[in-house]
Amino acid sequence: MKLEKITNESRRRYDDACGTAHGLELIGERWALLIVRELMFGPRRFGDLRASLPGLSANVLTQRLEGLEAAGVVVKRRLPPPASVQVYDLTDWGREAEPVISELGRWAARSPGHDPTLPLSPVSMMLSFRTMFDPRKAGKSRMTLGFRFGFETFVVTVADGELGVRRMEADGAEVIVVGSPESVAAAVYVGAGMEGLEISGRAEVFEQFVDFFELPPKAG
């Protein structure tokens, strides 16, 4: 029996007109969807992406970025002075993948094998807020919180049943939470309280904030 040699190109194509199949051709390679996730809050340098995805080698990251660029999902550009560094960013179309990532995360969180205590990147933690936020629990609450994970800082706003997240300095936030993404996840989703976190400002705002989230029930 003659064995057919399978090329990388043939492995990426399903020869299926279904949009789901083509979506997998675009972002279904190992690590590709997580790279898209890490770019959801703005451009990142190559080294930033590697730091956020420690299990990803430089060689594979280069390959995935090239593939995502070729597909029109990612664009490579240089920031203006004084930064003058090369970064990767999502195209407008690439950014439209956020609901796909969010709904996949919500669906997978119902798996009995999902462990919310495993490592998280800062971006993953912020996206989980947007995914698991329950506007009914928030009601008419209005608040601004800063989250600092090492050198990365995000500002989360809640207003009139909507939650927003931006990567920016937290000056002016009512409360600033400093710690690891895992410690924040434990406080929000596991009920671990303030363990492992440094809170400055109005701690009661963060205590109210954690009540706005709930993981979906496990699949029976």
N, C-alpha and C. Protein backbone atom coordinates (compact mmCIF):
# COMPACT_ATOMS: atom_id res chain seq x y z
N MET A 1 0.85 -1.20 0.00
CA MET A 1 0.00 0.00 0.00
C MET A 1 0.88 1.24 0.00
N LYS A 2 0.62 2.15 -0.93
CA LYS A 2 1.43 3.36 -1.04
C LYS A 2 0.88 4.42 -0.08
N LEU A 3 1.79 4.96 0.76
CA LEU A 3 1.37 5.98 1.71
C LEU A 3 1.46 7.36 1.06
N GLU A 4 0.43 8.16 1.27
CA GLU A 4 0.40 9.50 0.71
C GLU A 4 1.06 10.48 1.66
N LYS A 5 1.98 11.28 1.13
CA LYS A 5 2.65 12.28 1.94
C LYS A 5 1.69 13.43 2.20
N ILE A 6 1.53 13.79 3.46
CA ILE A 6 0.60 14.85 3.84
C ILE A 6 1.41 16.10 4.14
N THR A 7 1.18 17.16 3.40
CA THR A 7 1.90 18.41 3.60
C THR A 7 1.22 19.24 4.67
N ASN A 8 1.95 20.26 5.14
CA ASN A 8 1.36 21.16 6.14
C ASN A 8 0.12 21.83 5.59
N GLU A 9 0.15 22.18 4.28
CA GLU A 9 -0.98 22.87 3.67
C GLU A 9 -2.21 21.98 3.66
N SER A 10 -2.03 20.69 3.31
CA SER A 10 -3.18 19.80 3.25
C SER A 10 -3.75 19.52 4.63
N ARG A 11 -2.91 19.56 5.66
CA ARG A 11 -3.41 19.34 7.02
C ARG A 11 -4.29 20.50 7.47
N ARG A 12 -4.05 21.69 6.91
CA ARG A 12 -4.81 22.84 7.35
C ARG A 12 -6.14 22.99 6.63
N ARG A 13 -6.36 22.21 5.58
CA ARG A 13 -7.59 22.37 4.80
C ARG A 13 -8.50 21.15 4.98
N TYR A 14 -9.78 21.43 5.11
CA TYR A 14 -10.76 20.36 5.32
C TYR A 14 -11.57 20.05 4.07
N ASP A 15 -11.42 20.87 3.03
CA ASP A 15 -12.23 20.70 1.81
C ASP A 15 -13.71 20.59 2.16
N ASP A 16 -14.16 21.53 2.97
CA ASP A 16 -15.52 21.54 3.48
C ASP A 16 -16.02 22.98 3.41
N ALA A 17 -17.18 23.20 2.78
CA ALA A 17 -17.69 24.55 2.59
C ALA A 17 -18.27 25.17 3.85
N CYS A 18 -18.44 24.39 4.90
CA CYS A 18 -19.00 24.91 6.15
C CYS A 18 -18.12 26.02 6.71
N GLY A 19 -18.76 27.10 7.19
CA GLY A 19 -18.00 28.19 7.77
C GLY A 19 -17.19 27.77 8.98
N THR A 20 -17.69 26.79 9.75
CA THR A 20 -16.94 26.30 10.90
C THR A 20 -15.64 25.67 10.45
N ALA A 21 -15.69 24.89 9.38
CA ALA A 21 -14.48 24.26 8.86
C ALA A 21 -13.48 25.31 8.41
N HIS A 22 -13.96 26.34 7.71
CA HIS A 22 -13.04 27.38 7.26
C HIS A 22 -12.49 28.17 8.44
N GLY A 23 -13.33 28.37 9.47
CA GLY A 23 -12.85 29.04 10.66
C GLY A 23 -11.69 28.29 11.31
N LEU A 24 -11.79 26.96 11.32
CA LEU A 24 -10.71 26.15 11.87
C LEU A 24 -9.46 26.24 11.00
N GLU A 25 -9.65 26.39 9.70
CA GLU A 25 -8.50 26.58 8.81
C GLU A 25 -7.79 27.90 9.13
N LEU A 26 -8.55 28.90 9.54
CA LEU A 26 -7.98 30.21 9.82
C LEU A 26 -7.31 30.30 11.19
N ILE A 27 -7.99 29.80 12.24
CA ILE A 27 -7.47 29.98 13.60
C ILE A 27 -7.48 28.68 14.40
N GLY A 28 -7.56 27.54 13.70
CA GLY A 28 -7.66 26.27 14.41
C GLY A 28 -6.34 25.59 14.70
N GLU A 29 -5.22 26.14 14.17
CA GLU A 29 -3.92 25.54 14.48
C GLU A 29 -3.63 25.70 15.97
N ARG A 30 -2.86 24.78 16.52
CA ARG A 30 -2.49 24.86 17.93
C ARG A 30 -1.85 26.21 18.24
N TRP A 31 -2.32 26.88 19.27
CA TRP A 31 -1.87 28.17 19.78
C TRP A 31 -2.47 29.36 19.03
N ALA A 32 -2.99 29.16 17.82
CA ALA A 32 -3.44 30.31 17.02
C ALA A 32 -4.55 31.10 17.73
N LEU A 33 -5.53 30.40 18.24
CA LEU A 33 -6.66 31.10 18.87
C LEU A 33 -6.22 31.81 20.15
N LEU A 34 -5.24 31.25 20.86
CA LEU A 34 -4.75 31.90 22.08
C LEU A 34 -3.95 33.15 21.74
N ILE A 35 -3.25 33.15 20.60
CA ILE A 35 -2.57 34.36 20.15
C ILE A 35 -3.58 35.44 19.85
N VAL A 36 -4.66 35.08 19.17
CA VAL A 36 -5.73 36.04 18.90
C VAL A 36 -6.29 36.57 20.22
N ARG A 37 -6.50 35.71 21.18
CA ARG A 37 -6.98 36.12 22.50
C ARG A 37 -6.06 37.17 23.12
N GLU A 38 -4.77 36.94 23.06
CA GLU A 38 -3.81 37.84 23.70
C GLU A 38 -3.73 39.21 23.03
N LEU A 39 -4.26 39.33 21.82
CA LEU A 39 -4.23 40.61 21.11
C LEU A 39 -5.54 41.39 21.23
N MET A 40 -6.48 40.88 22.02
CA MET A 40 -7.81 41.47 22.06
C MET A 40 -7.82 42.88 22.66
N PHE A 41 -6.84 43.22 23.50
CA PHE A 41 -6.84 44.54 24.12
C PHE A 41 -5.76 45.45 23.54
N GLY A 42 -5.35 45.17 22.32
CA GLY A 42 -4.41 46.05 21.66
C GLY A 42 -3.14 45.36 21.25
N PRO A 43 -2.26 46.09 20.55
CA PRO A 43 -1.04 45.50 19.99
C PRO A 43 -0.08 45.00 21.06
N ARG A 44 0.68 43.96 20.69
CA ARG A 44 1.68 43.38 21.59
C ARG A 44 2.97 43.14 20.83
N ARG A 45 4.07 43.24 21.53
CA ARG A 45 5.35 42.88 20.95
C ARG A 45 5.51 41.36 20.96
N PHE A 46 6.41 40.88 20.14
CA PHE A 46 6.67 39.44 20.06
C PHE A 46 6.99 38.89 21.45
N GLY A 47 7.88 39.60 22.18
CA GLY A 47 8.27 39.13 23.51
C GLY A 47 7.12 39.13 24.49
N ASP A 48 6.19 40.09 24.35
CA ASP A 48 5.02 40.12 25.23
C ASP A 48 4.15 38.88 25.01
N LEU A 49 3.98 38.51 23.74
CA LEU A 49 3.17 37.33 23.43
C LEU A 49 3.81 36.07 24.00
N ARG A 50 5.13 35.96 23.86
CA ARG A 50 5.81 34.79 24.42
C ARG A 50 5.67 34.73 25.93
N ALA A 51 5.76 35.88 26.59
CA ALA A 51 5.65 35.91 28.05
C ALA A 51 4.24 35.51 28.51
N SER A 52 3.23 35.88 27.72
CA SER A 52 1.85 35.55 28.09
C SER A 52 1.50 34.09 27.79
N LEU A 53 2.26 33.47 26.89
CA LEU A 53 2.03 32.07 26.50
C LEU A 53 3.32 31.29 26.70
N PRO A 54 3.71 31.03 27.96
CA PRO A 54 5.03 30.47 28.25
C PRO A 54 5.27 29.09 27.64
N GLY A 55 4.22 28.37 27.30
CA GLY A 55 4.42 27.05 26.70
C GLY A 55 4.67 27.09 25.20
N LEU A 56 4.67 28.28 24.63
CA LEU A 56 4.80 28.46 23.18
C LEU A 56 6.23 28.83 22.83
N SER A 57 6.84 28.07 21.93
CA SER A 57 8.22 28.35 21.51
C SER A 57 8.25 29.53 20.55
N ALA A 58 9.41 30.18 20.45
CA ALA A 58 9.56 31.31 19.52
C ALA A 58 9.33 30.88 18.09
N ASN A 59 9.77 29.67 17.74
CA ASN A 59 9.63 29.20 16.37
C ASN A 59 8.15 29.00 16.01
N VAL A 60 7.39 28.38 16.90
CA VAL A 60 5.97 28.15 16.63
C VAL A 60 5.21 29.47 16.64
N LEU A 61 5.57 30.38 17.54
CA LEU A 61 4.91 31.69 17.57
C LEU A 61 5.13 32.42 16.25
N THR A 62 6.35 32.36 15.72
CA THR A 62 6.63 32.99 14.43
C THR A 62 5.76 32.39 13.33
N GLN A 63 5.66 31.06 13.32
CA GLN A 63 4.85 30.39 12.30
C GLN A 63 3.38 30.78 12.41
N ARG A 64 2.86 30.82 13.63
CA ARG A 64 1.45 31.13 13.81
C ARG A 64 1.16 32.58 13.43
N LEU A 65 2.04 33.50 13.79
CA LEU A 65 1.84 34.89 13.43
C LEU A 65 1.87 35.07 11.91
N GLU A 66 2.77 34.37 11.24
CA GLU A 66 2.82 34.45 9.79
C GLU A 66 1.53 33.92 9.17
N GLY A 67 1.01 32.82 9.72
CA GLY A 67 -0.23 32.26 9.21
C GLY A 67 -1.41 33.18 9.44
N LEU A 68 -1.47 33.80 10.63
CA LEU A 68 -2.57 34.72 10.94
C LEU A 68 -2.48 35.99 10.11
N GLU A 69 -1.27 36.44 9.83
CA GLU A 69 -1.10 37.58 8.93
C GLU A 69 -1.60 37.24 7.53
N ALA A 70 -1.19 36.09 7.03
CA ALA A 70 -1.59 35.67 5.68
C ALA A 70 -3.11 35.54 5.57
N ALA A 71 -3.75 35.16 6.68
CA ALA A 71 -5.20 34.98 6.68
C ALA A 71 -5.95 36.30 6.84
N GLY A 72 -5.24 37.39 7.13
CA GLY A 72 -5.89 38.67 7.31
C GLY A 72 -6.43 38.89 8.71
N VAL A 73 -6.01 38.06 9.66
CA VAL A 73 -6.49 38.17 11.04
C VAL A 73 -5.60 39.11 11.85
N VAL A 74 -4.31 39.08 11.58
CA VAL A 74 -3.30 39.85 12.31
C VAL A 74 -2.55 40.73 11.34
N VAL A 75 -2.13 41.90 11.82
CA VAL A 75 -1.29 42.80 11.02
C VAL A 75 -0.05 43.14 11.83
N LYS A 76 1.08 43.25 11.15
CA LYS A 76 2.34 43.63 11.80
C LYS A 76 2.62 45.09 11.46
N ARG A 77 2.97 45.89 12.46
CA ARG A 77 3.26 47.30 12.20
C ARG A 77 4.27 47.81 13.21
N ARG A 78 4.75 49.02 12.99
CA ARG A 78 5.71 49.64 13.89
C ARG A 78 5.07 50.84 14.57
N LEU A 79 5.21 50.89 15.90
CA LEU A 79 4.66 52.01 16.64
C LEU A 79 5.47 53.27 16.35
N PRO A 80 4.82 54.43 16.36
CA PRO A 80 5.54 55.68 16.10
C PRO A 80 6.52 56.01 17.23
N PRO A 81 7.49 56.91 16.99
CA PRO A 81 8.42 57.35 18.04
C PRO A 81 7.63 57.95 19.20
N PRO A 82 8.11 57.86 20.44
CA PRO A 82 9.44 57.36 20.79
C PRO A 82 9.54 55.85 20.95
N ALA A 83 8.42 55.12 20.87
CA ALA A 83 8.47 53.66 21.06
C ALA A 83 9.25 53.00 19.92
N SER A 84 8.83 53.23 18.68
CA SER A 84 9.52 52.70 17.49
C SER A 84 9.81 51.21 17.59
N VAL A 85 8.84 50.44 18.07
CA VAL A 85 9.01 48.99 18.17
C VAL A 85 7.99 48.30 17.28
N GLN A 86 8.34 47.12 16.82
CA GLN A 86 7.43 46.34 15.99
C GLN A 86 6.43 45.60 16.86
N VAL A 87 5.16 45.68 16.49
CA VAL A 87 4.12 45.02 17.27
C VAL A 87 3.20 44.27 16.32
N TYR A 88 2.39 43.40 16.92
CA TYR A 88 1.36 42.66 16.20
C TYR A 88 0.01 43.09 16.76
N ASP A 89 -0.93 43.25 15.86
CA ASP A 89 -2.26 43.69 16.27
C ASP A 89 -3.31 42.95 15.46
N LEU A 90 -4.52 42.90 15.97
CA LEU A 90 -5.62 42.31 15.23
C LEU A 90 -6.15 43.30 14.20
N THR A 91 -6.56 42.81 13.07
CA THR A 91 -7.31 43.63 12.14
C THR A 91 -8.71 43.82 12.71
N ASP A 92 -9.47 44.74 12.13
CA ASP A 92 -10.85 44.93 12.59
C ASP A 92 -11.62 43.62 12.49
N TRP A 93 -11.41 42.89 11.40
CA TRP A 93 -12.08 41.60 11.23
C TRP A 93 -11.59 40.59 12.26
N GLY A 94 -10.29 40.60 12.54
CA GLY A 94 -9.75 39.68 13.53
C GLY A 94 -10.35 39.91 14.90
N ARG A 95 -10.60 41.19 15.22
CA ARG A 95 -11.16 41.51 16.53
C ARG A 95 -12.60 41.00 16.67
N GLU A 96 -13.26 40.76 15.55
CA GLU A 96 -14.62 40.23 15.59
C GLU A 96 -14.66 38.79 16.12
N ALA A 97 -13.50 38.18 16.33
CA ALA A 97 -13.47 36.81 16.85
C ALA A 97 -13.71 36.76 18.36
N GLU A 98 -13.79 37.90 19.03
CA GLU A 98 -13.97 37.87 20.49
C GLU A 98 -15.20 37.08 20.93
N PRO A 99 -16.39 37.27 20.30
CA PRO A 99 -17.54 36.46 20.73
C PRO A 99 -17.30 34.97 20.57
N VAL A 100 -16.52 34.58 19.55
CA VAL A 100 -16.20 33.16 19.36
C VAL A 100 -15.40 32.66 20.54
N ILE A 101 -14.38 33.44 20.94
CA ILE A 101 -13.54 33.04 22.07
C ILE A 101 -14.36 33.01 23.36
N SER A 102 -15.20 34.01 23.55
CA SER A 102 -15.99 34.08 24.78
C SER A 102 -16.97 32.92 24.90
N GLU A 103 -17.68 32.64 23.82
CA GLU A 103 -18.67 31.57 23.88
C GLU A 103 -18.01 30.20 23.99
N LEU A 104 -16.85 30.04 23.34
CA LEU A 104 -16.11 28.78 23.51
C LEU A 104 -15.67 28.61 24.95
N GLY A 105 -15.20 29.73 25.56
CA GLY A 105 -14.80 29.67 26.96
C GLY A 105 -15.96 29.35 27.88
N ARG A 106 -17.12 29.97 27.63
CA ARG A 106 -18.29 29.71 28.47
C ARG A 106 -18.72 28.24 28.34
N TRP A 107 -18.73 27.74 27.10
CA TRP A 107 -19.12 26.35 26.86
C TRP A 107 -18.13 25.40 27.55
N ALA A 108 -16.83 25.65 27.39
CA ALA A 108 -15.82 24.75 27.95
C ALA A 108 -15.80 24.80 29.48
N ALA A 109 -16.19 25.95 30.06
CA ALA A 109 -16.21 26.05 31.52
C ALA A 109 -17.22 25.11 32.14
N ARG A 110 -18.18 24.61 31.35
CA ARG A 110 -19.16 23.66 31.85
C ARG A 110 -18.61 22.23 31.90
N SER A 111 -17.42 22.03 31.33
CA SER A 111 -16.82 20.70 31.36
C SER A 111 -16.46 20.30 32.79
N PRO A 112 -16.78 19.07 33.19
CA PRO A 112 -16.36 18.62 34.53
C PRO A 112 -14.85 18.64 34.71
N GLY A 113 -14.11 18.64 33.60
CA GLY A 113 -12.65 18.63 33.70
C GLY A 113 -12.03 20.01 33.74
N HIS A 114 -12.84 21.06 33.67
CA HIS A 114 -12.28 22.42 33.69
C HIS A 114 -11.83 22.79 35.10
N ASP A 115 -10.61 23.29 35.21
CA ASP A 115 -10.04 23.66 36.51
C ASP A 115 -9.77 25.16 36.51
N PRO A 116 -10.60 25.97 37.18
CA PRO A 116 -10.41 27.43 37.17
C PRO A 116 -9.20 27.90 37.96
N THR A 117 -8.48 26.99 38.66
CA THR A 117 -7.31 27.38 39.44
C THR A 117 -6.01 27.26 38.65
N LEU A 118 -6.07 26.80 37.39
CA LEU A 118 -4.86 26.70 36.57
C LEU A 118 -4.36 28.09 36.19
N PRO A 119 -3.11 28.20 35.71
CA PRO A 119 -2.56 29.52 35.35
C PRO A 119 -3.40 30.25 34.31
N LEU A 120 -3.42 31.58 34.44
CA LEU A 120 -4.14 32.45 33.52
C LEU A 120 -3.23 33.60 33.09
N SER A 121 -3.38 34.07 31.87
CA SER A 121 -2.69 35.29 31.48
C SER A 121 -3.57 36.47 31.91
N PRO A 122 -2.99 37.66 32.05
CA PRO A 122 -3.80 38.83 32.40
C PRO A 122 -4.94 39.07 31.41
N VAL A 123 -4.66 38.92 30.10
CA VAL A 123 -5.71 39.13 29.10
C VAL A 123 -6.82 38.11 29.27
N SER A 124 -6.45 36.85 29.52
CA SER A 124 -7.46 35.82 29.73
C SER A 124 -8.35 36.15 30.92
N MET A 125 -7.75 36.69 31.98
CA MET A 125 -8.54 37.07 33.16
C MET A 125 -9.54 38.17 32.80
N MET A 126 -9.09 39.17 32.05
CA MET A 126 -9.96 40.28 31.67
C MET A 126 -11.08 39.81 30.73
N LEU A 127 -10.74 38.93 29.79
CA LEU A 127 -11.78 38.41 28.89
C LEU A 127 -12.80 37.57 29.65
N SER A 128 -12.34 36.89 30.70
CA SER A 128 -13.29 36.10 31.49
C SER A 128 -14.30 37.01 32.18
N PHE A 129 -13.86 38.23 32.57
CA PHE A 129 -14.82 39.18 33.14
C PHE A 129 -15.92 39.50 32.12
N ARG A 130 -15.52 39.76 30.88
CA ARG A 130 -16.52 40.11 29.87
C ARG A 130 -17.42 38.92 29.54
N THR A 131 -16.88 37.71 29.70
CA THR A 131 -17.65 36.51 29.37
C THR A 131 -18.62 36.14 30.48
N MET A 132 -18.18 36.20 31.72
CA MET A 132 -18.97 35.71 32.84
C MET A 132 -19.76 36.79 33.58
N PHE A 133 -19.66 38.02 33.12
CA PHE A 133 -20.38 39.13 33.76
C PHE A 133 -21.89 38.94 33.62
N ASP A 134 -22.60 39.11 34.73
CA ASP A 134 -24.06 38.97 34.74
C ASP A 134 -24.67 40.34 34.99
N PRO A 135 -25.20 40.98 33.95
CA PRO A 135 -25.75 42.34 34.13
C PRO A 135 -26.91 42.39 35.11
N ARG A 136 -27.61 41.28 35.30
CA ARG A 136 -28.72 41.28 36.26
C ARG A 136 -28.19 41.43 37.69
N LYS A 137 -27.04 40.82 37.96
CA LYS A 137 -26.44 40.95 39.29
C LYS A 137 -25.90 42.36 39.52
N ALA A 138 -25.38 42.97 38.44
CA ALA A 138 -24.81 44.31 38.57
C ALA A 138 -25.88 45.38 38.71
N GLY A 139 -27.02 45.15 38.07
CA GLY A 139 -28.10 46.14 38.15
C GLY A 139 -27.66 47.50 37.65
N LYS A 140 -27.90 48.53 38.47
CA LYS A 140 -27.54 49.91 38.11
C LYS A 140 -26.21 50.33 38.73
N SER A 141 -25.44 49.39 39.21
CA SER A 141 -24.16 49.71 39.86
C SER A 141 -23.23 50.44 38.89
N ARG A 142 -22.43 51.36 39.45
CA ARG A 142 -21.43 52.09 38.68
C ARG A 142 -20.14 52.07 39.48
N MET A 143 -19.06 51.63 38.86
CA MET A 143 -17.77 51.55 39.55
C MET A 143 -16.63 51.49 38.55
N THR A 144 -15.44 51.85 39.03
CA THR A 144 -14.22 51.78 38.23
C THR A 144 -13.15 51.10 39.05
N LEU A 145 -12.58 50.03 38.49
CA LEU A 145 -11.57 49.25 39.21
C LEU A 145 -10.31 49.15 38.36
N GLY A 146 -9.15 49.21 39.00
CA GLY A 146 -7.89 48.98 38.32
C GLY A 146 -7.31 47.63 38.73
N PHE A 147 -6.76 46.91 37.77
CA PHE A 147 -6.13 45.62 38.04
C PHE A 147 -4.70 45.68 37.52
N ARG A 148 -3.73 45.42 38.40
CA ARG A 148 -2.32 45.48 38.02
C ARG A 148 -1.72 44.08 38.17
N PHE A 149 -1.24 43.56 37.04
CA PHE A 149 -0.57 42.26 37.02
C PHE A 149 0.87 42.50 36.54
N GLY A 150 1.80 42.66 37.47
CA GLY A 150 3.16 42.96 37.06
C GLY A 150 3.22 44.29 36.34
N PHE A 151 3.67 44.26 35.06
CA PHE A 151 3.77 45.49 34.28
C PHE A 151 2.51 45.80 33.49
N GLU A 152 1.50 44.95 33.60
CA GLU A 152 0.26 45.17 32.84
C GLU A 152 -0.83 45.69 33.77
N THR A 153 -1.50 46.75 33.32
CA THR A 153 -2.57 47.35 34.10
C THR A 153 -3.81 47.52 33.23
N PHE A 154 -4.95 47.17 33.80
CA PHE A 154 -6.23 47.27 33.11
C PHE A 154 -7.20 48.07 33.97
N VAL A 155 -8.12 48.73 33.31
CA VAL A 155 -9.20 49.42 34.01
C VAL A 155 -10.52 48.78 33.59
N VAL A 156 -11.29 48.38 34.59
CA VAL A 156 -12.61 47.77 34.36
C VAL A 156 -13.67 48.74 34.85
N THR A 157 -14.64 49.00 34.01
CA THR A 157 -15.76 49.87 34.39
C THR A 157 -17.06 49.07 34.35
N VAL A 158 -17.93 49.35 35.29
CA VAL A 158 -19.27 48.79 35.31
C VAL A 158 -20.24 49.96 35.39
N ALA A 159 -21.17 50.00 34.45
CA ALA A 159 -22.15 51.08 34.45
C ALA A 159 -23.41 50.63 33.75
N ASP A 160 -24.53 50.70 34.47
CA ASP A 160 -25.85 50.41 33.90
C ASP A 160 -25.90 49.04 33.22
N GLY A 161 -25.36 48.04 33.89
CA GLY A 161 -25.46 46.68 33.38
C GLY A 161 -24.47 46.34 32.28
N GLU A 162 -23.46 47.15 32.07
CA GLU A 162 -22.45 46.87 31.05
C GLU A 162 -21.08 46.92 31.68
N LEU A 163 -20.19 46.04 31.20
CA LEU A 163 -18.82 45.98 31.70
C LEU A 163 -17.86 46.28 30.56
N GLY A 164 -16.92 47.18 30.82
CA GLY A 164 -15.91 47.52 29.84
C GLY A 164 -14.52 47.26 30.39
N VAL A 165 -13.58 46.92 29.51
CA VAL A 165 -12.19 46.67 29.91
C VAL A 165 -11.27 47.39 28.94
N ARG A 166 -10.27 48.09 29.50
CA ARG A 166 -9.26 48.73 28.67
C ARG A 166 -7.89 48.51 29.30
N ARG A 167 -6.87 48.31 28.46
CA ARG A 167 -5.50 48.25 28.96
C ARG A 167 -4.99 49.68 29.07
N MET A 168 -4.86 50.17 30.31
CA MET A 168 -4.45 51.55 30.55
C MET A 168 -4.06 51.70 32.01
N GLU A 169 -3.45 52.82 32.35
CA GLU A 169 -3.11 53.09 33.74
C GLU A 169 -4.37 53.28 34.57
N ALA A 170 -4.28 52.92 35.85
CA ALA A 170 -5.48 52.88 36.70
C ALA A 170 -5.65 54.14 37.53
N ASP A 171 -4.99 55.23 37.15
CA ASP A 171 -5.15 56.47 37.91
C ASP A 171 -6.62 56.87 37.94
N GLY A 172 -7.11 57.17 39.12
CA GLY A 172 -8.50 57.59 39.25
C GLY A 172 -9.48 56.48 39.53
N ALA A 173 -9.04 55.23 39.49
CA ALA A 173 -9.94 54.12 39.80
C ALA A 173 -10.30 54.15 41.28
N GLU A 174 -11.51 53.71 41.60
CA GLU A 174 -11.97 53.71 42.99
C GLU A 174 -11.19 52.72 43.84
N VAL A 175 -10.77 51.62 43.23
CA VAL A 175 -9.99 50.61 43.94
C VAL A 175 -8.99 50.02 42.95
N ILE A 176 -7.81 49.71 43.44
CA ILE A 176 -6.78 49.09 42.61
C ILE A 176 -6.42 47.75 43.24
N VAL A 177 -6.48 46.71 42.43
CA VAL A 177 -6.21 45.35 42.88
C VAL A 177 -4.89 44.90 42.25
N VAL A 178 -3.94 44.51 43.08
CA VAL A 178 -2.62 44.08 42.63
C VAL A 178 -2.42 42.63 43.03
N GLY A 179 -2.01 41.81 42.08
CA GLY A 179 -1.76 40.40 42.37
C GLY A 179 -1.64 39.62 41.08
N SER A 180 -1.73 38.33 41.17
CA SER A 180 -1.66 37.48 39.98
C SER A 180 -3.06 37.27 39.41
N PRO A 181 -3.16 36.97 38.12
CA PRO A 181 -4.48 36.63 37.57
C PRO A 181 -5.14 35.47 38.30
N GLU A 182 -4.31 34.52 38.74
CA GLU A 182 -4.86 33.36 39.44
C GLU A 182 -5.50 33.76 40.77
N SER A 183 -4.88 34.72 41.48
CA SER A 183 -5.45 35.17 42.75
C SER A 183 -6.75 35.92 42.53
N VAL A 184 -6.81 36.71 41.46
CA VAL A 184 -8.06 37.41 41.15
C VAL A 184 -9.14 36.41 40.78
N ALA A 185 -8.79 35.42 39.95
CA ALA A 185 -9.76 34.39 39.57
C ALA A 185 -10.27 33.64 40.80
N ALA A 186 -9.38 33.36 41.74
CA ALA A 186 -9.79 32.65 42.95
C ALA A 186 -10.77 33.49 43.76
N ALA A 187 -10.55 34.81 43.81
CA ALA A 187 -11.44 35.69 44.56
C ALA A 187 -12.81 35.78 43.89
N VAL A 188 -12.81 35.84 42.54
CA VAL A 188 -14.06 36.05 41.81
C VAL A 188 -14.85 34.77 41.64
N TYR A 189 -14.16 33.68 41.31
CA TYR A 189 -14.87 32.46 40.90
C TYR A 189 -14.86 31.35 41.95
N VAL A 190 -13.92 31.43 42.90
CA VAL A 190 -13.82 30.35 43.89
C VAL A 190 -14.22 30.83 45.28
N GLY A 191 -14.30 32.15 45.47
CA GLY A 191 -14.67 32.67 46.77
C GLY A 191 -13.54 32.69 47.76
N ALA A 192 -12.30 32.92 47.27
CA ALA A 192 -11.13 32.89 48.15
C ALA A 192 -10.89 34.21 48.86
N GLY A 193 -11.73 35.19 48.66
CA GLY A 193 -11.56 36.47 49.34
C GLY A 193 -10.35 37.23 48.81
N MET A 194 -9.68 37.97 49.70
CA MET A 194 -8.56 38.83 49.31
C MET A 194 -7.21 38.12 49.39
N GLU A 195 -7.21 36.83 49.57
CA GLU A 195 -5.95 36.10 49.73
C GLU A 195 -5.05 36.28 48.52
N GLY A 196 -3.81 36.71 48.77
CA GLY A 196 -2.84 36.89 47.70
C GLY A 196 -2.98 38.19 46.93
N LEU A 197 -3.87 39.08 47.37
CA LEU A 197 -4.11 40.33 46.67
C LEU A 197 -3.75 41.53 47.55
N GLU A 198 -3.29 42.60 46.91
CA GLU A 198 -3.09 43.87 47.59
C GLU A 198 -4.17 44.83 47.10
N ILE A 199 -4.93 45.38 48.04
CA ILE A 199 -6.05 46.24 47.70
C ILE A 199 -5.77 47.65 48.21
N SER A 200 -5.87 48.62 47.31
CA SER A 200 -5.75 50.01 47.73
C SER A 200 -6.98 50.76 47.24
N GLY A 201 -7.44 51.70 48.06
CA GLY A 201 -8.68 52.41 47.72
C GLY A 201 -9.86 51.78 48.44
N ARG A 202 -10.99 51.81 47.81
CA ARG A 202 -12.23 51.34 48.43
C ARG A 202 -12.39 49.83 48.23
N ALA A 203 -11.94 49.07 49.22
CA ALA A 203 -12.00 47.61 49.12
C ALA A 203 -13.43 47.11 48.96
N GLU A 204 -14.39 47.84 49.49
CA GLU A 204 -15.79 47.40 49.41
C GLU A 204 -16.29 47.40 47.96
N VAL A 205 -15.66 48.19 47.09
CA VAL A 205 -16.05 48.20 45.68
C VAL A 205 -15.67 46.86 45.04
N PHE A 206 -14.47 46.38 45.35
CA PHE A 206 -14.07 45.08 44.81
C PHE A 206 -14.93 43.96 45.40
N GLU A 207 -15.26 44.05 46.68
CA GLU A 207 -16.10 43.04 47.31
C GLU A 207 -17.47 42.97 46.64
N GLN A 208 -18.00 44.12 46.24
CA GLN A 208 -19.27 44.13 45.51
C GLN A 208 -19.09 43.59 44.09
N PHE A 209 -17.98 43.95 43.48
CA PHE A 209 -17.70 43.56 42.10
C PHE A 209 -17.69 42.04 41.92
N VAL A 210 -17.10 41.30 42.87
CA VAL A 210 -16.97 39.85 42.70
C VAL A 210 -18.33 39.15 42.69
N ASP A 211 -19.36 39.83 43.16
CA ASP A 211 -20.70 39.22 43.16
C ASP A 211 -21.37 39.30 41.79
N PHE A 212 -20.75 39.98 40.83
CA PHE A 212 -21.36 40.13 39.51
C PHE A 212 -21.05 38.98 38.56
N PHE A 213 -20.33 37.95 39.05
CA PHE A 213 -19.88 36.88 38.18
C PHE A 213 -20.23 35.51 38.76
N GLU A 214 -20.42 34.57 37.85
CA GLU A 214 -20.69 33.20 38.27
C GLU A 214 -20.35 32.27 37.10
N LEU A 215 -19.59 31.22 37.38
CA LEU A 215 -19.29 30.24 36.36
C LEU A 215 -20.56 29.46 36.01
N PRO A 216 -20.73 29.07 34.76
CA PRO A 216 -21.92 28.30 34.38
C PRO A 216 -21.92 26.93 35.04
N PRO A 217 -23.10 26.32 35.23
CA PRO A 217 -23.16 25.00 35.87
C PRO A 217 -22.48 23.95 35.02
N LYS A 218 -21.94 22.94 35.68
CA LYS A 218 -21.27 21.86 34.98
C LYS A 218 -22.29 21.01 34.20
N ALA A 219 -21.84 20.50 33.06
CA ALA A 219 -22.69 19.65 32.25
C ALA A 219 -22.96 18.35 33.00
N GLY A 220 -24.17 17.90 32.96
CA GLY A 220 -24.53 16.69 33.69
C GLY A 220 -24.23 15.46 32.89
